Amino acid sequence: MWYYCWPHSVYHLTRWFPRNNRVKIRVVVMLFTLSLLFPQFFVLSLRHSTRFCQQPLFHMLIVSIVFSFIMIGFSFLFTIMDPVPKEVKVAFHVFGGIASLFGVIYTILSSLAGNCKLYSAELYYLSLAIAIMCMLTTAFFLLMMPFWLLNYFRKNSVLDYRNRTGLCYEPVDCCSCMWHI
């Protein structure tokens, strides 16, 4: 879910800035997003990362790099496109479902790979960090899901800016990005 949460956050971050002054934030966000690849390629380039490990962490790292490239692509699209076409949104949500499944699998494999830190510590700790980020973002989305569903089926029951009402109007008055998917 980490790979889904980052572009989603980038989308809302760039929308906080005025349309005519988004160039700087786009550059900063994209440089930071590209820097997320550095630790993965660093661990991939280490010779002892391919050593035997009971769980396929090395293969999961390669899949993680592929997901990271897709994440960078969506982040780039969301910073540039305004408005975002429906087809891109649908593709993004499908990617989010696949990324969620991948995060669960990655977490399970990382939790079962305790002995891998003896043979390839960097790979193990990077896998553990990615698994923790995936589970934190999954927990956030699971926590927010009932509110999103309630607001979807009963329009403006959770948050109605026009009438300044709703179950959660006061808590999110200054952070509306959490409620929009």
N, C-alpha and C. Protein backbone atom coordinates (compact mmCIF):
# COMPACT_ATOMS: atom_id res chain seq x y z
N MET A 1 0.81 -1.19 0.00
CA MET A 1 0.00 0.00 0.00
C MET A 1 0.86 1.26 0.00
N TRP A 2 2.11 1.11 0.38
CA TRP A 2 3.05 2.24 0.37
C TRP A 2 3.16 2.84 -1.02
N TYR A 3 3.19 1.95 -2.02
CA TYR A 3 3.36 2.39 -3.39
C TYR A 3 2.13 3.14 -3.90
N TYR A 4 1.00 2.93 -3.26
CA TYR A 4 -0.23 3.62 -3.59
C TYR A 4 -0.35 4.92 -2.80
N CYS A 5 0.09 4.90 -1.58
CA CYS A 5 -0.06 6.06 -0.70
C CYS A 5 0.83 7.23 -1.13
N TRP A 6 2.04 6.95 -1.59
CA TRP A 6 2.95 8.03 -1.95
C TRP A 6 2.41 8.89 -3.09
N PRO A 7 2.01 8.31 -4.25
CA PRO A 7 1.46 9.17 -5.31
C PRO A 7 0.18 9.89 -4.88
N HIS A 8 -0.61 9.22 -4.06
CA HIS A 8 -1.82 9.85 -3.55
C HIS A 8 -1.48 11.09 -2.72
N SER A 9 -0.46 10.97 -1.88
CA SER A 9 -0.02 12.10 -1.07
C SER A 9 0.60 13.19 -1.93
N VAL A 10 1.35 12.80 -2.95
CA VAL A 10 1.95 13.77 -3.87
C VAL A 10 0.86 14.55 -4.60
N TYR A 11 -0.19 13.86 -4.99
CA TYR A 11 -1.31 14.51 -5.67
C TYR A 11 -1.88 15.64 -4.81
N HIS A 12 -2.15 15.32 -3.54
CA HIS A 12 -2.75 16.33 -2.67
C HIS A 12 -1.76 17.41 -2.27
N LEU A 13 -0.50 17.06 -2.13
CA LEU A 13 0.51 18.05 -1.78
C LEU A 13 0.63 19.11 -2.87
N THR A 14 0.67 18.68 -4.12
CA THR A 14 0.80 19.66 -5.20
C THR A 14 -0.45 20.51 -5.36
N ARG A 15 -1.62 19.97 -4.98
CA ARG A 15 -2.86 20.74 -5.09
C ARG A 15 -2.98 21.80 -4.02
N TRP A 16 -2.17 21.75 -2.98
CA TRP A 16 -2.18 22.78 -1.95
C TRP A 16 -1.57 24.08 -2.44
N PHE A 17 -0.79 24.00 -3.52
CA PHE A 17 -0.12 25.18 -4.05
C PHE A 17 -0.95 25.78 -5.19
N PRO A 18 -0.85 27.09 -5.39
CA PRO A 18 -1.59 27.70 -6.50
C PRO A 18 -1.15 27.14 -7.85
N ARG A 19 -2.06 27.08 -8.79
CA ARG A 19 -1.77 26.50 -10.11
C ARG A 19 -0.59 27.16 -10.80
N ASN A 20 -0.44 28.44 -10.64
CA ASN A 20 0.63 29.14 -11.34
C ASN A 20 1.96 29.10 -10.59
N ASN A 21 2.01 28.43 -9.44
CA ASN A 21 3.24 28.38 -8.65
C ASN A 21 3.54 26.96 -8.18
N ARG A 22 3.39 25.99 -9.06
CA ARG A 22 3.61 24.59 -8.69
C ARG A 22 4.93 24.03 -9.22
N VAL A 23 5.68 24.80 -9.93
CA VAL A 23 6.91 24.27 -10.54
C VAL A 23 7.91 23.84 -9.48
N LYS A 24 8.12 24.67 -8.47
CA LYS A 24 9.11 24.35 -7.44
C LYS A 24 8.74 23.10 -6.67
N ILE A 25 7.46 22.99 -6.27
CA ILE A 25 7.06 21.82 -5.50
C ILE A 25 7.10 20.56 -6.36
N ARG A 26 6.81 20.70 -7.65
CA ARG A 26 6.91 19.55 -8.55
C ARG A 26 8.34 19.05 -8.63
N VAL A 27 9.28 19.97 -8.76
CA VAL A 27 10.69 19.57 -8.85
C VAL A 27 11.16 18.92 -7.55
N VAL A 28 10.82 19.53 -6.42
CA VAL A 28 11.24 18.99 -5.12
C VAL A 28 10.63 17.62 -4.89
N VAL A 29 9.34 17.48 -5.17
CA VAL A 29 8.67 16.19 -4.95
C VAL A 29 9.24 15.12 -5.86
N MET A 30 9.48 15.46 -7.12
CA MET A 30 10.01 14.44 -8.03
C MET A 30 11.44 14.05 -7.69
N LEU A 31 12.25 15.00 -7.25
CA LEU A 31 13.61 14.64 -6.81
C LEU A 31 13.56 13.74 -5.59
N PHE A 32 12.69 14.06 -4.65
CA PHE A 32 12.56 13.21 -3.47
C PHE A 32 12.01 11.83 -3.84
N THR A 33 11.06 11.80 -4.76
CA THR A 33 10.49 10.53 -5.20
C THR A 33 11.54 9.67 -5.89
N LEU A 34 12.35 10.29 -6.73
CA LEU A 34 13.42 9.54 -7.39
C LEU A 34 14.46 9.04 -6.39
N SER A 35 14.68 9.81 -5.32
CA SER A 35 15.66 9.38 -4.31
C SER A 35 15.19 8.15 -3.54
N LEU A 36 13.91 7.82 -3.61
CA LEU A 36 13.42 6.61 -2.95
C LEU A 36 13.96 5.34 -3.61
N LEU A 37 14.44 5.47 -4.83
CA LEU A 37 15.02 4.32 -5.52
C LEU A 37 16.45 4.03 -5.07
N PHE A 38 17.14 5.03 -4.57
CA PHE A 38 18.56 4.87 -4.24
C PHE A 38 18.83 3.72 -3.26
N PRO A 39 18.14 3.61 -2.13
CA PRO A 39 18.45 2.50 -1.22
C PRO A 39 18.18 1.14 -1.84
N GLN A 40 17.16 1.07 -2.68
CA GLN A 40 16.85 -0.22 -3.30
C GLN A 40 17.94 -0.64 -4.29
N PHE A 41 18.40 0.31 -5.09
CA PHE A 41 19.47 -0.02 -6.03
C PHE A 41 20.79 -0.27 -5.30
N PHE A 42 21.00 0.42 -4.20
CA PHE A 42 22.21 0.19 -3.42
C PHE A 42 22.24 -1.25 -2.89
N VAL A 43 21.14 -1.69 -2.30
CA VAL A 43 21.08 -3.06 -1.78
C VAL A 43 21.13 -4.06 -2.92
N LEU A 44 20.51 -3.74 -4.04
CA LEU A 44 20.55 -4.62 -5.20
C LEU A 44 21.97 -4.79 -5.72
N SER A 45 22.77 -3.75 -5.64
CA SER A 45 24.13 -3.81 -6.18
C SER A 45 25.12 -4.52 -5.25
N LEU A 46 24.75 -4.72 -4.00
CA LEU A 46 25.65 -5.41 -3.08
C LEU A 46 25.79 -6.87 -3.47
N ARG A 47 27.00 -7.36 -3.42
CA ARG A 47 27.26 -8.72 -3.85
C ARG A 47 26.62 -9.75 -2.93
N HIS A 48 26.63 -9.48 -1.64
CA HIS A 48 26.10 -10.47 -0.70
C HIS A 48 24.58 -10.43 -0.57
N SER A 49 23.91 -9.58 -1.33
CA SER A 49 22.44 -9.57 -1.30
C SER A 49 21.85 -10.79 -1.98
N THR A 50 22.65 -11.43 -2.85
CA THR A 50 22.14 -12.60 -3.56
C THR A 50 22.43 -13.90 -2.81
N ARG A 51 23.03 -13.82 -1.63
CA ARG A 51 23.30 -15.02 -0.86
C ARG A 51 22.00 -15.73 -0.50
N PHE A 52 22.15 -16.97 -0.11
CA PHE A 52 20.98 -17.78 0.20
C PHE A 52 20.21 -17.18 1.37
N CYS A 53 18.93 -17.14 1.18
CA CYS A 53 18.02 -16.71 2.23
C CYS A 53 16.80 -17.62 2.12
N GLN A 54 16.27 -17.99 3.25
CA GLN A 54 15.15 -18.92 3.26
C GLN A 54 13.94 -18.35 2.52
N GLN A 55 13.74 -17.06 2.61
CA GLN A 55 12.64 -16.39 1.91
C GLN A 55 13.19 -15.65 0.69
N PRO A 56 12.39 -15.49 -0.34
CA PRO A 56 12.87 -14.85 -1.58
C PRO A 56 12.91 -13.31 -1.48
N LEU A 57 13.68 -12.80 -0.54
CA LEU A 57 13.73 -11.34 -0.36
C LEU A 57 14.38 -10.64 -1.53
N PHE A 58 15.35 -11.27 -2.15
CA PHE A 58 16.01 -10.64 -3.30
C PHE A 58 15.04 -10.48 -4.46
N HIS A 59 14.24 -11.50 -4.70
CA HIS A 59 13.25 -11.41 -5.77
C HIS A 59 12.18 -10.37 -5.43
N MET A 60 11.83 -10.29 -4.17
CA MET A 60 10.85 -9.30 -3.74
C MET A 60 11.42 -7.88 -3.88
N LEU A 61 12.73 -7.74 -3.70
CA LEU A 61 13.36 -6.44 -3.90
C LEU A 61 13.26 -6.01 -5.36
N ILE A 62 13.44 -6.94 -6.26
CA ILE A 62 13.32 -6.62 -7.69
C ILE A 62 11.89 -6.20 -8.02
N VAL A 63 10.92 -6.93 -7.48
CA VAL A 63 9.52 -6.55 -7.71
C VAL A 63 9.23 -5.20 -7.07
N SER A 64 9.84 -4.94 -5.92
CA SER A 64 9.67 -3.66 -5.24
C SER A 64 10.22 -2.52 -6.09
N ILE A 65 11.32 -2.74 -6.77
CA ILE A 65 11.88 -1.71 -7.66
C ILE A 65 10.93 -1.45 -8.83
N VAL A 66 10.32 -2.51 -9.37
CA VAL A 66 9.34 -2.34 -10.46
C VAL A 66 8.15 -1.53 -9.95
N PHE A 67 7.65 -1.86 -8.76
CA PHE A 67 6.55 -1.10 -8.18
C PHE A 67 6.96 0.35 -7.93
N SER A 68 8.21 0.56 -7.54
CA SER A 68 8.68 1.92 -7.31
C SER A 68 8.70 2.73 -8.59
N PHE A 69 9.07 2.11 -9.70
CA PHE A 69 9.04 2.82 -10.98
C PHE A 69 7.61 3.18 -11.37
N ILE A 70 6.67 2.27 -11.13
CA ILE A 70 5.27 2.57 -11.42
C ILE A 70 4.79 3.70 -10.50
N MET A 71 5.21 3.65 -9.24
CA MET A 71 4.87 4.70 -8.28
C MET A 71 5.42 6.05 -8.75
N ILE A 72 6.63 6.07 -9.25
CA ILE A 72 7.23 7.31 -9.76
C ILE A 72 6.44 7.81 -10.96
N GLY A 73 6.01 6.90 -11.82
CA GLY A 73 5.21 7.30 -12.98
C GLY A 73 3.90 7.95 -12.58
N PHE A 74 3.19 7.34 -11.63
CA PHE A 74 1.94 7.94 -11.17
C PHE A 74 2.20 9.26 -10.44
N SER A 75 3.27 9.33 -9.68
CA SER A 75 3.59 10.59 -9.00
C SER A 75 3.84 11.69 -10.02
N PHE A 76 4.56 11.36 -11.07
CA PHE A 76 4.83 12.33 -12.13
C PHE A 76 3.53 12.78 -12.81
N LEU A 77 2.68 11.80 -13.14
CA LEU A 77 1.41 12.14 -13.78
C LEU A 77 0.54 13.02 -12.89
N PHE A 78 0.50 12.70 -11.60
CA PHE A 78 -0.37 13.45 -10.70
C PHE A 78 0.15 14.86 -10.43
N THR A 79 1.45 15.07 -10.54
CA THR A 79 1.95 16.43 -10.36
C THR A 79 1.76 17.27 -11.61
N ILE A 80 1.74 16.65 -12.78
CA ILE A 80 1.64 17.38 -14.04
C ILE A 80 0.20 17.58 -14.49
N MET A 81 -0.62 16.53 -14.41
CA MET A 81 -1.98 16.60 -14.95
C MET A 81 -2.93 17.32 -13.99
N ASP A 82 -3.71 18.21 -14.56
CA ASP A 82 -4.73 18.89 -13.77
C ASP A 82 -5.86 19.29 -14.71
N PRO A 83 -6.95 18.64 -14.75
CA PRO A 83 -7.40 17.53 -13.92
C PRO A 83 -6.85 16.19 -14.42
N VAL A 84 -6.89 15.21 -13.55
CA VAL A 84 -6.41 13.86 -13.89
C VAL A 84 -7.56 13.12 -14.59
N PRO A 85 -7.30 12.54 -15.78
CA PRO A 85 -8.36 11.81 -16.48
C PRO A 85 -8.84 10.60 -15.70
N LYS A 86 -10.07 10.22 -15.95
CA LYS A 86 -10.68 9.10 -15.24
C LYS A 86 -9.93 7.79 -15.49
N GLU A 87 -9.42 7.60 -16.68
CA GLU A 87 -8.70 6.37 -17.01
C GLU A 87 -7.45 6.22 -16.14
N VAL A 88 -6.76 7.33 -15.92
CA VAL A 88 -5.56 7.30 -15.07
C VAL A 88 -5.95 6.99 -13.64
N LYS A 89 -7.05 7.55 -13.17
CA LYS A 89 -7.51 7.27 -11.81
C LYS A 89 -7.87 5.80 -11.64
N VAL A 90 -8.56 5.24 -12.63
CA VAL A 90 -8.94 3.82 -12.55
C VAL A 90 -7.69 2.95 -12.55
N ALA A 91 -6.75 3.24 -13.43
CA ALA A 91 -5.49 2.48 -13.46
C ALA A 91 -4.76 2.61 -12.13
N PHE A 92 -4.80 3.79 -11.56
CA PHE A 92 -4.13 4.02 -10.28
C PHE A 92 -4.77 3.21 -9.17
N HIS A 93 -6.09 3.13 -9.14
CA HIS A 93 -6.76 2.37 -8.09
C HIS A 93 -6.55 0.86 -8.27
N VAL A 94 -6.48 0.40 -9.52
CA VAL A 94 -6.14 -1.01 -9.76
C VAL A 94 -4.73 -1.28 -9.27
N PHE A 95 -3.82 -0.39 -9.58
CA PHE A 95 -2.45 -0.50 -9.08
C PHE A 95 -2.44 -0.52 -7.55
N GLY A 96 -3.29 0.28 -6.93
CA GLY A 96 -3.37 0.31 -5.47
C GLY A 96 -3.79 -1.03 -4.89
N GLY A 97 -4.74 -1.70 -5.52
CA GLY A 97 -5.16 -3.02 -5.06
C GLY A 97 -4.04 -4.04 -5.19
N ILE A 98 -3.34 -4.01 -6.30
CA ILE A 98 -2.21 -4.92 -6.51
C ILE A 98 -1.09 -4.59 -5.53
N ALA A 99 -0.83 -3.32 -5.31
CA ALA A 99 0.21 -2.90 -4.37
C ALA A 99 -0.14 -3.31 -2.94
N SER A 100 -1.42 -3.28 -2.62
CA SER A 100 -1.84 -3.71 -1.29
C SER A 100 -1.58 -5.20 -1.09
N LEU A 101 -1.92 -5.99 -2.08
CA LEU A 101 -1.64 -7.43 -2.01
C LEU A 101 -0.15 -7.68 -1.92
N PHE A 102 0.63 -6.97 -2.72
CA PHE A 102 2.08 -7.12 -2.67
C PHE A 102 2.63 -6.74 -1.30
N GLY A 103 2.10 -5.68 -0.70
CA GLY A 103 2.56 -5.26 0.63
C GLY A 103 2.30 -6.32 1.69
N VAL A 104 1.16 -6.98 1.60
CA VAL A 104 0.86 -8.05 2.56
C VAL A 104 1.82 -9.22 2.37
N ILE A 105 2.04 -9.61 1.12
CA ILE A 105 2.98 -10.70 0.84
C ILE A 105 4.38 -10.33 1.28
N TYR A 106 4.80 -9.11 1.01
CA TYR A 106 6.13 -8.63 1.39
C TYR A 106 6.29 -8.65 2.90
N THR A 107 5.25 -8.26 3.61
CA THR A 107 5.31 -8.25 5.07
C THR A 107 5.42 -9.67 5.62
N ILE A 108 4.64 -10.57 5.08
CA ILE A 108 4.69 -11.97 5.54
C ILE A 108 6.08 -12.56 5.29
N LEU A 109 6.60 -12.37 4.08
CA LEU A 109 7.92 -12.92 3.77
C LEU A 109 9.02 -12.28 4.60
N SER A 110 8.92 -10.98 4.85
CA SER A 110 9.94 -10.31 5.66
C SER A 110 9.88 -10.75 7.11
N SER A 111 8.69 -11.02 7.62
CA SER A 111 8.58 -11.46 9.01
C SER A 111 9.07 -12.88 9.20
N LEU A 112 9.03 -13.68 8.14
CA LEU A 112 9.52 -15.06 8.22
C LEU A 112 11.01 -15.19 7.91
N ALA A 113 11.66 -14.09 7.58
CA ALA A 113 13.05 -14.13 7.12
C ALA A 113 14.03 -13.65 8.19
N GLY A 114 13.80 -13.99 9.42
CA GLY A 114 14.67 -13.53 10.51
C GLY A 114 16.10 -14.00 10.38
N ASN A 115 16.31 -15.21 9.86
CA ASN A 115 17.68 -15.70 9.72
C ASN A 115 18.44 -15.07 8.57
N CYS A 116 17.76 -14.32 7.71
CA CYS A 116 18.42 -13.69 6.56
C CYS A 116 19.33 -12.54 6.99
N LYS A 117 19.10 -12.01 8.18
CA LYS A 117 19.95 -10.88 8.59
C LYS A 117 21.37 -11.33 8.89
N LEU A 118 21.59 -12.64 9.05
CA LEU A 118 22.94 -13.14 9.24
C LEU A 118 23.73 -13.15 7.94
N TYR A 119 23.05 -13.43 6.83
CA TYR A 119 23.72 -13.58 5.54
C TYR A 119 23.73 -12.30 4.71
N SER A 120 22.63 -11.59 4.74
CA SER A 120 22.54 -10.34 3.98
C SER A 120 21.70 -9.35 4.80
N ALA A 121 22.38 -8.69 5.72
CA ALA A 121 21.71 -7.81 6.67
C ALA A 121 21.04 -6.62 5.98
N GLU A 122 21.71 -6.03 4.98
CA GLU A 122 21.14 -4.87 4.31
C GLU A 122 19.83 -5.21 3.62
N LEU A 123 19.81 -6.35 2.95
CA LEU A 123 18.59 -6.79 2.27
C LEU A 123 17.48 -7.03 3.28
N TYR A 124 17.81 -7.66 4.38
CA TYR A 124 16.80 -7.94 5.40
C TYR A 124 16.25 -6.64 6.00
N TYR A 125 17.10 -5.70 6.35
CA TYR A 125 16.63 -4.46 6.97
C TYR A 125 15.86 -3.58 5.99
N LEU A 126 16.26 -3.56 4.72
CA LEU A 126 15.49 -2.83 3.73
C LEU A 126 14.12 -3.47 3.54
N SER A 127 14.09 -4.80 3.48
CA SER A 127 12.80 -5.49 3.36
C SER A 127 11.92 -5.23 4.57
N LEU A 128 12.52 -5.19 5.73
CA LEU A 128 11.77 -4.90 6.95
C LEU A 128 11.23 -3.46 6.92
N ALA A 129 12.03 -2.52 6.47
CA ALA A 129 11.58 -1.12 6.39
C ALA A 129 10.43 -0.97 5.39
N ILE A 130 10.55 -1.61 4.24
CA ILE A 130 9.47 -1.54 3.24
C ILE A 130 8.21 -2.19 3.77
N ALA A 131 8.37 -3.32 4.45
CA ALA A 131 7.20 -4.01 5.02
C ALA A 131 6.52 -3.14 6.09
N ILE A 132 7.30 -2.47 6.90
CA ILE A 132 6.72 -1.59 7.93
C ILE A 132 5.98 -0.42 7.27
N MET A 133 6.57 0.17 6.24
CA MET A 133 5.89 1.27 5.54
C MET A 133 4.60 0.78 4.89
N CYS A 134 4.63 -0.42 4.31
CA CYS A 134 3.43 -0.98 3.69
C CYS A 134 2.33 -1.20 4.72
N MET A 135 2.69 -1.74 5.87
CA MET A 135 1.68 -2.02 6.88
C MET A 135 1.15 -0.75 7.55
N LEU A 136 2.00 0.25 7.72
CA LEU A 136 1.51 1.52 8.28
C LEU A 136 0.51 2.19 7.35
N THR A 137 0.81 2.21 6.07
CA THR A 137 -0.11 2.83 5.13
C THR A 137 -1.38 1.98 4.96
N THR A 138 -1.25 0.67 5.03
CA THR A 138 -2.43 -0.19 4.97
C THR A 138 -3.32 0.05 6.19
N ALA A 139 -2.71 0.18 7.36
CA ALA A 139 -3.50 0.46 8.57
C ALA A 139 -4.20 1.81 8.45
N PHE A 140 -3.52 2.81 7.90
CA PHE A 140 -4.15 4.12 7.70
C PHE A 140 -5.35 4.01 6.78
N PHE A 141 -5.19 3.31 5.64
CA PHE A 141 -6.30 3.19 4.71
C PHE A 141 -7.45 2.37 5.30
N LEU A 142 -7.13 1.33 6.07
CA LEU A 142 -8.19 0.55 6.71
C LEU A 142 -8.93 1.37 7.77
N LEU A 143 -8.21 2.25 8.44
CA LEU A 143 -8.83 3.13 9.42
C LEU A 143 -9.75 4.14 8.74
N MET A 144 -9.37 4.63 7.58
CA MET A 144 -10.15 5.64 6.88
C MET A 144 -11.28 5.06 6.03
N MET A 145 -11.18 3.78 5.68
CA MET A 145 -12.14 3.15 4.77
C MET A 145 -13.60 3.27 5.22
N PRO A 146 -13.95 3.03 6.48
CA PRO A 146 -15.37 3.17 6.85
C PRO A 146 -15.91 4.58 6.62
N PHE A 147 -15.10 5.58 6.86
CA PHE A 147 -15.54 6.96 6.64
C PHE A 147 -15.75 7.24 5.15
N TRP A 148 -14.82 6.75 4.32
CA TRP A 148 -14.96 6.94 2.88
C TRP A 148 -16.21 6.24 2.35
N LEU A 149 -16.44 5.00 2.81
CA LEU A 149 -17.61 4.26 2.36
C LEU A 149 -18.91 4.92 2.84
N LEU A 150 -18.93 5.36 4.08
CA LEU A 150 -20.11 6.05 4.59
C LEU A 150 -20.39 7.31 3.79
N ASN A 151 -19.37 8.05 3.49
CA ASN A 151 -19.54 9.28 2.71
C ASN A 151 -19.93 8.96 1.26
N TYR A 152 -19.52 7.83 0.75
CA TYR A 152 -19.88 7.45 -0.62
C TYR A 152 -21.35 7.07 -0.71
N PHE A 153 -21.83 6.27 0.25
CA PHE A 153 -23.20 5.80 0.20
C PHE A 153 -24.20 6.83 0.75
N ARG A 154 -23.79 7.68 1.66
CA ARG A 154 -24.64 8.75 2.18
C ARG A 154 -23.89 10.06 1.97
N LYS A 155 -24.08 10.65 0.83
CA LYS A 155 -23.35 11.86 0.44
C LYS A 155 -23.35 12.91 1.54
N ASN A 156 -22.17 13.45 1.79
CA ASN A 156 -21.95 14.55 2.73
C ASN A 156 -22.33 14.24 4.17
N SER A 157 -22.46 12.97 4.51
CA SER A 157 -22.77 12.64 5.91
C SER A 157 -21.52 12.70 6.78
N VAL A 158 -20.38 12.46 6.19
CA VAL A 158 -19.14 12.51 6.95
C VAL A 158 -18.54 13.90 6.88
N LEU A 159 -18.57 14.49 5.69
CA LEU A 159 -17.94 15.79 5.52
C LEU A 159 -18.67 16.57 4.43
N ASP A 160 -19.23 17.69 4.81
CA ASP A 160 -19.93 18.56 3.88
C ASP A 160 -19.40 19.98 4.06
N TYR A 161 -18.52 20.40 3.15
CA TYR A 161 -17.90 21.72 3.27
C TYR A 161 -18.89 22.84 3.01
N ARG A 162 -19.81 22.61 2.08
CA ARG A 162 -20.73 23.67 1.71
C ARG A 162 -21.61 24.09 2.89
N ASN A 163 -22.17 23.11 3.61
CA ASN A 163 -23.03 23.42 4.75
C ASN A 163 -22.28 23.44 6.07
N ARG A 164 -20.99 23.13 6.00
CA ARG A 164 -20.14 23.07 7.20
C ARG A 164 -20.74 22.15 8.25
N THR A 165 -21.08 20.95 7.79
CA THR A 165 -21.65 19.94 8.68
C THR A 165 -21.00 18.61 8.39
N GLY A 166 -21.41 17.63 9.14
CA GLY A 166 -20.93 16.28 8.95
C GLY A 166 -20.25 15.76 10.19
N LEU A 167 -20.16 14.46 10.22
CA LEU A 167 -19.57 13.77 11.36
C LEU A 167 -18.16 14.23 11.66
N CYS A 168 -17.38 14.49 10.63
CA CYS A 168 -15.96 14.81 10.81
C CYS A 168 -15.60 16.21 10.33
N TYR A 169 -16.53 17.12 10.32
CA TYR A 169 -16.20 18.45 9.79
C TYR A 169 -15.14 19.14 10.63
N GLU A 170 -15.29 19.19 11.93
CA GLU A 170 -14.35 19.90 12.79
C GLU A 170 -12.94 19.29 12.77
N PRO A 171 -12.80 17.96 12.89
CA PRO A 171 -11.42 17.41 12.92
C PRO A 171 -10.63 17.63 11.64
N VAL A 172 -11.30 17.70 10.49
CA VAL A 172 -10.56 17.81 9.23
C VAL A 172 -10.69 19.16 8.58
N ASP A 173 -11.08 20.14 9.33
CA ASP A 173 -11.26 21.47 8.76
C ASP A 173 -9.97 21.97 8.10
N CYS A 174 -8.83 21.60 8.66
CA CYS A 174 -7.57 22.07 8.09
C CYS A 174 -6.82 21.01 7.30
N CYS A 175 -7.34 19.80 7.21
CA CYS A 175 -6.63 18.72 6.49
C CYS A 175 -7.62 17.91 5.69
N SER A 176 -8.16 18.49 4.67
CA SER A 176 -9.20 17.85 3.87
C SER A 176 -8.65 16.75 2.96
N CYS A 177 -7.35 16.70 2.76
CA CYS A 177 -6.79 15.73 1.81
C CYS A 177 -7.01 14.30 2.24
N MET A 178 -7.26 14.06 3.52
CA MET A 178 -7.45 12.70 4.00
C MET A 178 -8.77 12.12 3.51
N TRP A 179 -9.71 12.94 3.13
CA TRP A 179 -11.05 12.45 2.83
C TRP A 179 -11.31 12.27 1.35
N HIS A 180 -10.40 12.69 0.51
CA HIS A 180 -10.62 12.60 -0.93
C HIS A 180 -9.79 11.47 -1.51
N ILE A 181 -10.42 10.62 -2.26
CA ILE A 181 -9.68 9.55 -2.92
C ILE A 181 -9.56 9.89 -4.39
